[in-house]
Amino acid sequence: HPNYTLSSGINAEYGDGEDVTPSPTVQVDVVKSRIQIDGMEGARKYRNGRECCRYIYNKTGFQGFWRGVTATLVRAFPTNAAMLPVYSVTMALLANFRGEEEAILQEY
């Protein structure tokens, strides 16, 4: 059974069980998102990722690292479903621009 990690931090295992489970990268995504919006509404709270992790843990415990996982799961499917066709079209357009359309389209 092939096992893929999608960009949003979801492990998708295809096969008998067709199991989709969150991976540890969800917690990294929570920290990244907090750092990205930090300082938008006043003073910054975090100097780095470690400080952000401490803040999350002190305020909400380990549950805080799972905040927003439902939205991440819902967002993952359409986002990843759109990636392949967009990539394919982009590659074909770039190949056409460079005069390599025949070679690229034969790969698909």
PDB file of N, CA and C in Angstrom:
ATOM      1  N   HIS A   1       0.830  -1.189   0.000  1.00  0.00           N
ATOM      2  CA  HIS A   1       0.000   0.000   0.000  1.00  0.00           C
ATOM      3  C   HIS A   1       0.863   1.237   0.000  1.00  0.00           C
ATOM      4  N   PRO A   2       0.751   2.053  -1.025  1.00  0.00           N
ATOM      5  CA  PRO A   2       1.524   3.295  -1.013  1.00  0.00           C
ATOM      6  C   PRO A   2       1.023   4.231   0.078  1.00  0.00           C
ATOM      7  N   ASN A   3       1.938   4.980   0.650  1.00  0.00           N
ATOM      8  CA  ASN A   3       1.598   5.923   1.715  1.00  0.00           C
ATOM      9  C   ASN A   3       2.088   7.303   1.292  1.00  0.00           C
ATOM     10  N   TYR A   4       1.202   8.269   1.259  1.00  0.00           N
ATOM     11  CA  TYR A   4       1.543   9.614   0.809  1.00  0.00           C
ATOM     12  C   TYR A   4       1.298  10.607   1.927  1.00  0.00           C
ATOM     13  N   THR A   5       2.174  11.597   2.055  1.00  0.00           N
ATOM     14  CA  THR A   5       1.926  12.703   2.973  1.00  0.00           C
ATOM     15  C   THR A   5       1.583  13.905   2.129  1.00  0.00           C
ATOM     16  N   LEU A   6       0.403  14.406   2.312  1.00  0.00           N
ATOM     17  CA  LEU A   6      -0.057  15.549   1.549  1.00  0.00           C
ATOM     18  C   LEU A   6       0.489  16.823   2.169  1.00  0.00           C
ATOM     19  N   SER A   7       0.471  17.893   1.387  1.00  0.00           N
ATOM     20  CA  SER A   7       1.100  19.133   1.850  1.00  0.00           C
ATOM     21  C   SER A   7       0.481  19.693   3.127  1.00  0.00           C
ATOM     22  N   SER A   8      -0.734  19.372   3.393  1.00  0.00           N
ATOM     23  CA  SER A   8      -1.390  19.914   4.571  1.00  0.00           C
ATOM     24  C   SER A   8      -1.116  19.111   5.831  1.00  0.00           C
ATOM     25  N   GLY A   9      -0.321  18.059   5.743  1.00  0.00           N
ATOM     26  CA  GLY A   9       0.005  17.266   6.918  1.00  0.00           C
ATOM     27  C   GLY A   9      -0.945  16.117   7.150  1.00  0.00           C
ATOM     28  N   ILE A  10      -1.534  15.602   6.097  1.00  0.00           N
ATOM     29  CA  ILE A  10      -2.452  14.485   6.222  1.00  0.00           C
ATOM     30  C   ILE A  10      -1.806  13.269   5.582  1.00  0.00           C
ATOM     31  N   ASN A  11      -1.758  12.173   6.323  1.00  0.00           N
ATOM     32  CA  ASN A  11      -1.272  10.927   5.745  1.00  0.00           C
ATOM     33  C   ASN A  11      -2.427  10.245   5.053  1.00  0.00           C
ATOM     34  N   ALA A  12      -2.259   9.925   3.803  1.00  0.00           N
ATOM     35  CA  ALA A  12      -3.304   9.215   3.074  1.00  0.00           C
ATOM     36  C   ALA A  12      -2.750   7.849   2.697  1.00  0.00           C
ATOM     37  N   GLU A  13      -3.373   6.835   3.194  1.00  0.00           N
ATOM     38  CA  GLU A  13      -2.933   5.479   2.920  1.00  0.00           C
ATOM     39  C   GLU A  13      -3.985   4.830   2.044  1.00  0.00           C
ATOM     40  N   TYR A  14      -3.613   4.484   0.830  1.00  0.00           N
ATOM     41  CA  TYR A  14      -4.572   3.916  -0.106  1.00  0.00           C
ATOM     42  C   TYR A  14      -4.400   2.409  -0.121  1.00  0.00           C
ATOM     43  N   GLY A  15      -5.490   1.713  -0.130  1.00  0.00           N
ATOM     44  CA  GLY A  15      -5.451   0.263  -0.135  1.00  0.00           C
ATOM     45  C   GLY A  15      -6.730  -0.279   0.449  1.00  0.00           C
ATOM     46  N   ASP A  16      -6.620  -1.353   1.197  1.00  0.00           N
ATOM     47  CA  ASP A  16      -7.808  -2.007   1.747  1.00  0.00           C
ATOM     48  C   ASP A  16      -8.598  -1.087   2.660  1.00  0.00           C
ATOM     49  N   GLY A  17      -7.907  -0.406   3.579  1.00  0.00           N
ATOM     50  CA  GLY A  17      -8.603   0.406   4.574  1.00  0.00           C
ATOM     51  C   GLY A  17      -8.946   1.796   4.102  1.00  0.00           C
ATOM     52  N   GLU A  18      -8.276   2.285   3.060  1.00  0.00           N
ATOM     53  CA  GLU A  18      -8.441   3.657   2.598  1.00  0.00           C
ATOM     54  C   GLU A  18      -8.493   4.615   3.772  1.00  0.00           C
ATOM     55  N   ASP A  19      -7.475   4.564   4.590  1.00  0.00           N
ATOM     56  CA  ASP A  19      -7.401   5.304   5.838  1.00  0.00           C
ATOM     57  C   ASP A  19      -6.775   6.670   5.610  1.00  0.00           C
ATOM     58  N   VAL A  20      -7.356   7.701   6.189  1.00  0.00           N
ATOM     59  CA  VAL A  20      -6.796   9.047   6.140  1.00  0.00           C
ATOM     60  C   VAL A  20      -6.658   9.525   7.578  1.00  0.00           C
ATOM     61  N   THR A  21      -5.430   9.806   8.006  1.00  0.00           N
ATOM     62  CA  THR A  21      -5.190  10.213   9.387  1.00  0.00           C
ATOM     63  C   THR A  21      -4.265  11.414   9.432  1.00  0.00           C
ATOM     64  N   PRO A  22      -4.422  12.276  10.430  1.00  0.00           N
ATOM     65  CA  PRO A  22      -3.514  13.407  10.575  1.00  0.00           C
ATOM     66  C   PRO A  22      -2.126  12.940  11.006  1.00  0.00           C
ATOM     67  N   SER A  23      -1.113  13.560  10.491  1.00  0.00           N
ATOM     68  CA  SER A  23       0.255  13.228  10.870  1.00  0.00           C
ATOM     69  C   SER A  23       0.805  14.309  11.799  1.00  0.00           C
ATOM     70  N   PRO A  24       1.996  14.106  12.328  1.00  0.00           N
ATOM     71  CA  PRO A  24       2.583  15.125  13.225  1.00  0.00           C
ATOM     72  C   PRO A  24       2.811  16.479  12.561  1.00  0.00           C
ATOM     73  N   THR A  25       2.747  16.550  11.250  1.00  0.00           N
ATOM     74  CA  THR A  25       2.953  17.844  10.598  1.00  0.00           C
ATOM     75  C   THR A  25       1.791  18.803  10.839  1.00  0.00           C
ATOM     76  N   VAL A  26       0.652  18.295  11.321  1.00  0.00           N
ATOM     77  CA  VAL A  26      -0.472  19.178  11.651  1.00  0.00           C
ATOM     78  C   VAL A  26      -0.049  20.154  12.736  1.00  0.00           C
ATOM     79  N   GLN A  27       0.686  19.673  13.732  1.00  0.00           N
ATOM     80  CA  GLN A  27       1.134  20.541  14.812  1.00  0.00           C
ATOM     81  C   GLN A  27       2.101  21.609  14.293  1.00  0.00           C
ATOM     82  N   VAL A  28       2.950  21.236  13.369  1.00  0.00           N
ATOM     83  CA  VAL A  28       3.870  22.202  12.767  1.00  0.00           C
ATOM     84  C   VAL A  28       3.070  23.262  12.011  1.00  0.00           C
ATOM     85  N   ASP A  29       2.003  22.848  11.347  1.00  0.00           N
ATOM     86  CA  ASP A  29       1.156  23.784  10.617  1.00  0.00           C
ATOM     87  C   ASP A  29       0.481  24.774  11.569  1.00  0.00           C
ATOM     88  N   VAL A  30       0.072  24.302  12.751  1.00  0.00           N
ATOM     89  CA  VAL A  30      -0.536  25.188  13.753  1.00  0.00           C
ATOM     90  C   VAL A  30       0.474  26.258  14.176  1.00  0.00           C
ATOM     91  N   VAL A  31       1.698  25.843  14.473  1.00  0.00           N
ATOM     92  CA  VAL A  31       2.744  26.788  14.888  1.00  0.00           C
ATOM     93  C   VAL A  31       3.048  27.763  13.750  1.00  0.00           C
ATOM     94  N   LYS A  32       3.186  27.244  12.525  1.00  0.00           N
ATOM     95  CA  LYS A  32       3.469  28.097  11.367  1.00  0.00           C
ATOM     96  C   LYS A  32       2.372  29.140  11.175  1.00  0.00           C
ATOM     97  N   SER A  33       1.124  28.716  11.291  1.00  0.00           N
ATOM     98  CA  SER A  33       0.007  29.644  11.115  1.00  0.00           C
ATOM     99  C   SER A  33       0.002  30.717  12.192  1.00  0.00           C
ATOM    100  N   ARG A  34       0.284  30.332  13.421  1.00  0.00           N
ATOM    101  CA  ARG A  34       0.335  31.320  14.514  1.00  0.00           C
ATOM    102  C   ARG A  34       1.438  32.345  14.270  1.00  0.00           C
ATOM    103  N   ILE A  35       2.601  31.880  13.829  1.00  0.00           N
ATOM    104  CA  ILE A  35       3.718  32.795  13.575  1.00  0.00           C
ATOM    105  C   ILE A  35       3.387  33.728  12.409  1.00  0.00           C
ATOM    106  N   GLN A  36       2.708  33.209  11.383  1.00  0.00           N
ATOM    107  CA  GLN A  36       2.366  34.034  10.222  1.00  0.00           C
ATOM    108  C   GLN A  36       1.431  35.185  10.592  1.00  0.00           C
ATOM    109  N   ILE A  37       0.489  34.948  11.496  1.00  0.00           N
ATOM    110  CA  ILE A  37      -0.451  36.021  11.840  1.00  0.00           C
ATOM    111  C   ILE A  37      -0.005  36.839  13.048  1.00  0.00           C
ATOM    112  N   ASP A  38       1.086  36.416  13.683  1.00  0.00           N
ATOM    113  CA  ASP A  38       1.579  37.127  14.864  1.00  0.00           C
ATOM    114  C   ASP A  38       1.953  38.564  14.506  1.00  0.00           C
ATOM    115  N   GLY A  39       1.492  39.497  15.309  1.00  0.00           N
ATOM    116  CA  GLY A  39       1.813  40.904  15.106  1.00  0.00           C
ATOM    117  C   GLY A  39       0.837  41.649  14.231  1.00  0.00           C
ATOM    118  N   MET A  40      -0.155  40.977  13.678  1.00  0.00           N
ATOM    119  CA  MET A  40      -1.128  41.657  12.821  1.00  0.00           C
ATOM    120  C   MET A  40      -2.049  42.573  13.622  1.00  0.00           C
ATOM    121  N   GLU A  41      -2.253  42.240  14.874  1.00  0.00           N
ATOM    122  CA  GLU A  41      -3.147  43.039  15.716  1.00  0.00           C
ATOM    123  C   GLU A  41      -2.394  43.626  16.910  1.00  0.00           C
ATOM    124  N   GLY A  42      -1.255  44.196  16.665  1.00  0.00           N
ATOM    125  CA  GLY A  42      -0.487  44.801  17.748  1.00  0.00           C
ATOM    126  C   GLY A  42       0.899  44.191  17.864  1.00  0.00           C
ATOM    127  N   ALA A  43       1.383  44.133  19.103  1.00  0.00           N
ATOM    128  CA  ALA A  43       2.742  43.649  19.351  1.00  0.00           C
ATOM    129  C   ALA A  43       2.855  42.151  19.076  1.00  0.00           C
ATOM    130  N   ARG A  44       4.044  41.749  18.669  1.00  0.00           N
ATOM    131  CA  ARG A  44       4.311  40.330  18.411  1.00  0.00           C
ATOM    132  C   ARG A  44       4.385  39.562  19.728  1.00  0.00           C
ATOM    133  N   LYS A  45       3.906  38.312  19.718  1.00  0.00           N
ATOM    134  CA  LYS A  45       3.956  37.454  20.899  1.00  0.00           C
ATOM    135  C   LYS A  45       5.154  36.513  20.882  1.00  0.00           C
ATOM    136  N   TYR A  46       5.590  36.150  19.694  1.00  0.00           N
ATOM    137  CA  TYR A  46       6.621  35.110  19.560  1.00  0.00           C
ATOM    138  C   TYR A  46       7.857  35.642  18.847  1.00  0.00           C
ATOM    139  N   ARG A  47       9.013  35.250  19.338  1.00  0.00           N
ATOM    140  CA  ARG A  47      10.265  35.582  18.655  1.00  0.00           C
ATOM    141  C   ARG A  47      10.676  34.471  17.705  1.00  0.00           C
ATOM    142  N   ASN A  48      10.232  33.237  17.990  1.00  0.00           N
ATOM    143  CA  ASN A  48      10.613  32.093  17.160  1.00  0.00           C
ATOM    144  C   ASN A  48       9.614  30.951  17.372  1.00  0.00           C
ATOM    145  N   GLY A  49       9.836  29.841  16.683  1.00  0.00           N
ATOM    146  CA  GLY A  49       8.940  28.697  16.774  1.00  0.00           C
ATOM    147  C   GLY A  49       8.894  28.070  18.154  1.00  0.00           C
ATOM    148  N   ARG A  50      10.024  28.020  18.810  1.00  0.00           N
ATOM    149  CA  ARG A  50      10.079  27.429  20.153  1.00  0.00           C
ATOM    150  C   ARG A  50       9.213  28.223  21.131  1.00  0.00           C
ATOM    151  N   GLU A  51       9.311  29.531  21.054  1.00  0.00           N
ATOM    152  CA  GLU A  51       8.516  30.388  21.933  1.00  0.00           C
ATOM    153  C   GLU A  51       7.024  30.234  21.628  1.00  0.00           C
ATOM    154  N   CYS A  52       6.682  30.084  20.381  1.00  0.00           N
ATOM    155  CA  CYS A  52       5.299  29.873  19.989  1.00  0.00           C
ATOM    156  C   CYS A  52       4.782  28.543  20.552  1.00  0.00           C
ATOM    157  N   CYS A  53       5.591  27.490  20.463  1.00  0.00           N
ATOM    158  CA  CYS A  53       5.206  26.185  21.026  1.00  0.00           C
ATOM    159  C   CYS A  53       4.973  26.289  22.530  1.00  0.00           C
ATOM    160  N   ARG A  54       5.871  26.968  23.223  1.00  0.00           N
ATOM    161  CA  ARG A  54       5.704  27.148  24.673  1.00  0.00           C
ATOM    162  C   ARG A  54       4.410  27.872  24.995  1.00  0.00           C
ATOM    163  N   TYR A  55       4.127  28.926  24.249  1.00  0.00           N
ATOM    164  CA  TYR A  55       2.915  29.710  24.464  1.00  0.00           C
ATOM    165  C   TYR A  55       1.667  28.844  24.271  1.00  0.00           C
ATOM    166  N   ILE A  56       1.629  28.095  23.169  1.00  0.00           N
ATOM    167  CA  ILE A  56       0.481  27.232  22.896  1.00  0.00           C
ATOM    168  C   ILE A  56       0.311  26.210  24.011  1.00  0.00           C
ATOM    169  N   TYR A  57       1.400  25.564  24.392  1.00  0.00           N
ATOM    170  CA  TYR A  57       1.330  24.534  25.431  1.00  0.00           C
ATOM    171  C   TYR A  57       0.896  25.117  26.780  1.00  0.00           C
ATOM    172  N   ASN A  58       1.452  26.253  27.164  1.00  0.00           N
ATOM    173  CA  ASN A  58       1.100  26.874  28.445  1.00  0.00           C
ATOM    174  C   ASN A  58      -0.355  27.338  28.491  1.00  0.00           C
ATOM    175  N   LYS A  59      -0.889  27.806  27.375  1.00  0.00           N
ATOM    176  CA  LYS A  59      -2.265  28.303  27.331  1.00  0.00           C
ATOM    177  C   LYS A  59      -3.300  27.182  27.226  1.00  0.00           C
ATOM    178  N   THR A  60      -3.015  26.163  26.390  1.00  0.00           N
ATOM    179  CA  THR A  60      -4.050  25.165  26.083  1.00  0.00           C
ATOM    180  C   THR A  60      -3.597  23.719  26.226  1.00  0.00           C
ATOM    181  N   GLY A  61      -2.333  23.495  26.587  1.00  0.00           N
ATOM    182  CA  GLY A  61      -1.830  22.123  26.678  1.00  0.00           C
ATOM    183  C   GLY A  61      -1.640  21.527  25.292  1.00  0.00           C
ATOM    184  N   PHE A  62      -1.540  20.204  25.260  1.00  0.00           N
ATOM    185  CA  PHE A  62      -1.320  19.532  23.976  1.00  0.00           C
ATOM    186  C   PHE A  62      -2.502  19.698  23.029  1.00  0.00           C
ATOM    187  N   GLN A  63      -3.696  19.924  23.563  1.00  0.00           N
ATOM    188  CA  GLN A  63      -4.867  20.115  22.708  1.00  0.00           C
ATOM    189  C   GLN A  63      -4.715  21.314  21.786  1.00  0.00           C
ATOM    190  N   GLY A  64      -3.980  22.302  22.217  1.00  0.00           N
ATOM    191  CA  GLY A  64      -3.793  23.500  21.403  1.00  0.00           C
ATOM    192  C   GLY A  64      -3.090  23.230  20.093  1.00  0.00           C
ATOM    193  N   PHE A  65      -2.272  22.191  20.054  1.00  0.00           N
ATOM    194  CA  PHE A  65      -1.557  21.856  18.821  1.00  0.00           C
ATOM    195  C   PHE A  65      -2.470  21.175  17.808  1.00  0.00           C
ATOM    196  N   TRP A  66      -3.645  20.772  18.227  1.00  0.00           N
ATOM    197  CA  TRP A  66      -4.611  20.139  17.333  1.00  0.00           C
ATOM    198  C   TRP A  66      -5.717  21.099  16.918  1.00  0.00           C
ATOM    199  N   ARG A  67      -5.639  22.332  17.376  1.00  0.00           N
ATOM    200  CA  ARG A  67      -6.674  23.308  17.048  1.00  0.00           C
ATOM    201  C   ARG A  67      -6.705  23.543  15.540  1.00  0.00           C
ATOM    202  N   GLY A  68      -7.875  23.448  14.960  1.00  0.00           N
ATOM    203  CA  GLY A  68      -8.028  23.670  13.527  1.00  0.00           C
ATOM    204  C   GLY A  68      -7.797  22.449  12.668  1.00  0.00           C
ATOM    205  N   VAL A  69      -7.620  21.267  13.278  1.00  0.00           N
ATOM    206  CA  VAL A  69      -7.345  20.066  12.491  1.00  0.00           C
ATOM    207  C   VAL A  69      -8.529  19.710  11.593  1.00  0.00           C
ATOM    208  N   THR A  70      -9.746  19.976  12.028  1.00  0.00           N
ATOM    209  CA  THR A  70     -10.917  19.675  11.196  1.00  0.00           C
ATOM    210  C   THR A  70     -10.898  20.516   9.928  1.00  0.00           C
ATOM    211  N   ALA A  71     -10.611  21.792  10.070  1.00  0.00           N
ATOM    212  CA  ALA A  71     -10.527  22.661   8.890  1.00  0.00           C
ATOM    213  C   ALA A  71      -9.398  22.223   7.965  1.00  0.00           C
ATOM    214  N   THR A  72      -8.292  21.783   8.548  1.00  0.00           N
ATOM    215  CA  THR A  72      -7.170  21.296   7.751  1.00  0.00           C
ATOM    216  C   THR A  72      -7.560  20.059   6.965  1.00  0.00           C
ATOM    217  N   LEU A  73      -8.278  19.147   7.608  1.00  0.00           N
ATOM    218  CA  LEU A  73      -8.723  17.929   6.921  1.00  0.00           C
ATOM    219  C   LEU A  73      -9.691  18.253   5.788  1.00  0.00           C
ATOM    220  N   VAL A  74     -10.630  19.148   6.054  1.00  0.00           N
ATOM    221  CA  VAL A  74     -11.613  19.514   5.030  1.00  0.00           C
ATOM    222  C   VAL A  74     -10.926  20.229   3.874  1.00  0.00           C
ATOM    223  N   ARG A  75      -9.976  21.091   4.176  1.00  0.00           N
ATOM    224  CA  ARG A  75      -9.257  21.854   3.153  1.00  0.00           C
ATOM    225  C   ARG A  75      -8.328  20.985   2.319  1.00  0.00           C
ATOM    226  N   ALA A  76      -7.814  19.923   2.901  1.00  0.00           N
ATOM    227  CA  ALA A  76      -6.799  19.107   2.237  1.00  0.00           C
ATOM    228  C   ALA A  76      -7.295  18.450   0.959  1.00  0.00           C
ATOM    229  N   PHE A  77      -8.498  17.924   0.973  1.00  0.00           N
ATOM    230  CA  PHE A  77      -8.964  17.165  -0.183  1.00  0.00           C
ATOM    231  C   PHE A  77      -9.127  17.999  -1.442  1.00  0.00           C
ATOM    232  N   PRO A  78      -9.862  19.119  -1.416  1.00  0.00           N
ATOM    233  CA  PRO A  78      -9.966  19.897  -2.657  1.00  0.00           C
ATOM    234  C   PRO A  78      -8.636  20.519  -3.077  1.00  0.00           C
ATOM    235  N   THR A  79      -7.839  20.918  -2.105  1.00  0.00           N
ATOM    236  CA  THR A  79      -6.544  21.521  -2.427  1.00  0.00           C
ATOM    237  C   THR A  79      -5.655  20.536  -3.161  1.00  0.00           C
ATOM    238  N   ASN A  80      -5.538  19.343  -2.624  1.00  0.00           N
ATOM    239  CA  ASN A  80      -4.673  18.348  -3.238  1.00  0.00           C
ATOM    240  C   ASN A  80      -5.261  17.779  -4.516  1.00  0.00           C
ATOM    241  N   ALA A  81      -6.585  17.755  -4.623  1.00  0.00           N
ATOM    242  CA  ALA A  81      -7.218  17.298  -5.856  1.00  0.00           C
ATOM    243  C   ALA A  81      -6.955  18.279  -6.995  1.00  0.00           C
ATOM    244  N   ALA A  82      -6.835  19.552  -6.672  1.00  0.00           N
ATOM    245  CA  ALA A  82      -6.598  20.568  -7.696  1.00  0.00           C
ATOM    246  C   ALA A  82      -5.136  20.655  -8.114  1.00  0.00           C
ATOM    247  N   MET A  83      -4.243  20.170  -7.266  1.00  0.00           N
ATOM    248  CA  MET A  83      -2.808  20.326  -7.548  1.00  0.00           C
ATOM    249  C   MET A  83      -2.360  19.618  -8.829  1.00  0.00           C
ATOM    250  N   LEU A  84      -2.763  18.383  -9.050  1.00  0.00           N
ATOM    251  CA  LEU A  84      -2.285  17.628 -10.210  1.00  0.00           C
ATOM    252  C   LEU A  84      -2.702  18.253 -11.530  1.00  0.00           C
ATOM    253  N   PRO A  85      -3.984  18.590 -11.741  1.00  0.00           N
ATOM    254  CA  PRO A  85      -4.325  19.209 -13.021  1.00  0.00           C
ATOM    255  C   PRO A  85      -3.664  20.571 -13.229  1.00  0.00           C
ATOM    256  N   VAL A  86      -3.551  21.354 -12.162  1.00  0.00           N
ATOM    257  CA  VAL A  86      -2.893  22.660 -12.293  1.00  0.00           C
ATOM    258  C   VAL A  86      -1.425  22.472 -12.670  1.00  0.00           C
ATOM    259  N   TYR A  87      -0.769  21.522 -12.038  1.00  0.00           N
ATOM    260  CA  TYR A  87       0.631  21.228 -12.358  1.00  0.00           C
ATOM    261  C   TYR A  87       0.762  20.789 -13.812  1.00  0.00           C
ATOM    262  N   SER A  88      -0.115  19.881 -14.245  1.00  0.00           N
ATOM    263  CA  SER A  88      -0.047  19.352 -15.609  1.00  0.00           C
ATOM    264  C   SER A  88      -0.250  20.457 -16.641  1.00  0.00           C
ATOM    265  N   VAL A  89      -1.241  21.300 -16.421  1.00  0.00           N
ATOM    266  CA  VAL A  89      -1.510  22.393 -17.360  1.00  0.00           C
ATOM    267  C   VAL A  89      -0.353  23.384 -17.368  1.00  0.00           C
ATOM    268  N   THR A  90       0.164  23.702 -16.193  1.00  0.00           N
ATOM    269  CA  THR A  90       1.296  24.633 -16.104  1.00  0.00           C
ATOM    270  C   THR A  90       2.504  24.092 -16.840  1.00  0.00           C
ATOM    271  N   MET A  91       2.809  22.816 -16.646  1.00  0.00           N
ATOM    272  CA  MET A  91       3.954  22.211 -17.341  1.00  0.00           C
ATOM    273  C   MET A  91       3.758  22.229 -18.852  1.00  0.00           C
ATOM    274  N   ALA A  92       2.539  21.948 -19.319  1.00  0.00           N
ATOM    275  CA  ALA A  92       2.265  21.969 -20.756  1.00  0.00           C
ATOM    276  C   ALA A  92       2.406  23.384 -21.310  1.00  0.00           C
ATOM    277  N   LEU A  93       1.906  24.381 -20.562  1.00  0.00           N
ATOM    278  CA  LEU A  93       2.027  25.767 -21.020  1.00  0.00           C
ATOM    279  C   LEU A  93       3.484  26.216 -21.078  1.00  0.00           C
ATOM    280  N   LEU A  94       4.248  25.858 -20.057  1.00  0.00           N
ATOM    281  CA  LEU A  94       5.670  26.220 -20.056  1.00  0.00           C
ATOM    282  C   LEU A  94       6.425  25.510 -21.172  1.00  0.00           C
ATOM    283  N   ALA A  95       6.090  24.262 -21.413  1.00  0.00           N
ATOM    284  CA  ALA A  95       6.737  23.520 -22.489  1.00  0.00           C
ATOM    285  C   ALA A  95       6.383  24.138 -23.838  1.00  0.00           C
ATOM    286  N   ASN A  96       5.126  24.544 -24.005  1.00  0.00           N
ATOM    287  CA  ASN A  96       4.701  25.185 -25.238  1.00  0.00           C
ATOM    288  C   ASN A  96       5.447  26.500 -25.436  1.00  0.00           C
ATOM    289  N   PHE A  97       5.612  27.227 -24.348  1.00  0.00           N
ATOM    290  CA  PHE A  97       6.345  28.494 -24.397  1.00  0.00           C
ATOM    291  C   PHE A  97       7.782  28.272 -24.840  1.00  0.00           C
ATOM    292  N   ARG A  98       8.378  27.176 -24.381  1.00  0.00           N
ATOM    293  CA  ARG A  98       9.771  26.866 -24.722  1.00  0.00           C
ATOM    294  C   ARG A  98       9.895  25.987 -25.957  1.00  0.00           C
ATOM    295  N   GLY A  99       8.777  25.625 -26.582  1.00  0.00           N
ATOM    296  CA  GLY A  99       8.821  24.818 -27.790  1.00  0.00           C
ATOM    297  C   GLY A  99       9.042  23.343 -27.528  1.00  0.00           C
ATOM    298  N   GLU A 100       8.706  22.863 -26.359  1.00  0.00           N
ATOM    299  CA  GLU A 100       8.913  21.462 -25.998  1.00  0.00           C
ATOM    300  C   GLU A 100       7.594  20.737 -25.751  1.00  0.00           C
ATOM    301  N   GLU A 101       6.529  21.199 -26.326  1.00  0.00           N
ATOM    302  CA  GLU A 101       5.199  20.657 -26.038  1.00  0.00           C
ATOM    303  C   GLU A 101       5.120  19.154 -26.283  1.00  0.00           C
ATOM    304  N   GLU A 102       5.674  18.703 -27.368  1.00  0.00           N
ATOM    305  CA  GLU A 102       5.601  17.273 -27.710  1.00  0.00           C
ATOM    306  C   GLU A 102       6.209  16.404 -26.617  1.00  0.00           C
ATOM    307  N   ALA A 103       7.377  16.768 -26.134  1.00  0.00           N
ATOM    308  CA  ALA A 103       8.073  15.953 -25.129  1.00  0.00           C
ATOM    309  C   ALA A 103       7.315  15.917 -23.803  1.00  0.00           C
ATOM    310  N   ILE A 104       6.788  17.040 -23.372  1.00  0.00           N
ATOM    311  CA  ILE A 104       6.084  17.098 -22.090  1.00  0.00           C
ATOM    312  C   ILE A 104       4.771  16.340 -22.161  1.00  0.00           C
ATOM    313  N   LEU A 105       3.994  16.539 -23.217  1.00  0.00           N
ATOM    314  CA  LEU A 105       2.697  15.890 -23.310  1.00  0.00           C
ATOM    315  C   LEU A 105       2.837  14.372 -23.418  1.00  0.00           C
ATOM    316  N   GLN A 106       3.928  13.873 -23.966  1.00  0.00           N
ATOM    317  CA  GLN A 106       4.140  12.428 -24.051  1.00  0.00           C
ATOM    318  C   GLN A 106       4.360  11.817 -22.678  1.00  0.00           C
ATOM    319  N   GLU A 107       4.840  12.601 -21.709  1.00  0.00           N
ATOM    320  CA  GLU A 107       5.055  12.101 -20.345  1.00  0.00           C
ATOM    321  C   GLU A 107       3.741  11.819 -19.650  1.00  0.00           C
ATOM    322  N   TYR A 108       2.663  12.456 -20.042  1.00  0.00           N
ATOM    323  CA  TYR A 108       1.375  12.291 -19.383  1.00  0.00           C
ATOM    324  C   TYR A 108       0.569  11.318 -20.162  1.00  0.00           C
TER     325      TYR A 108
END
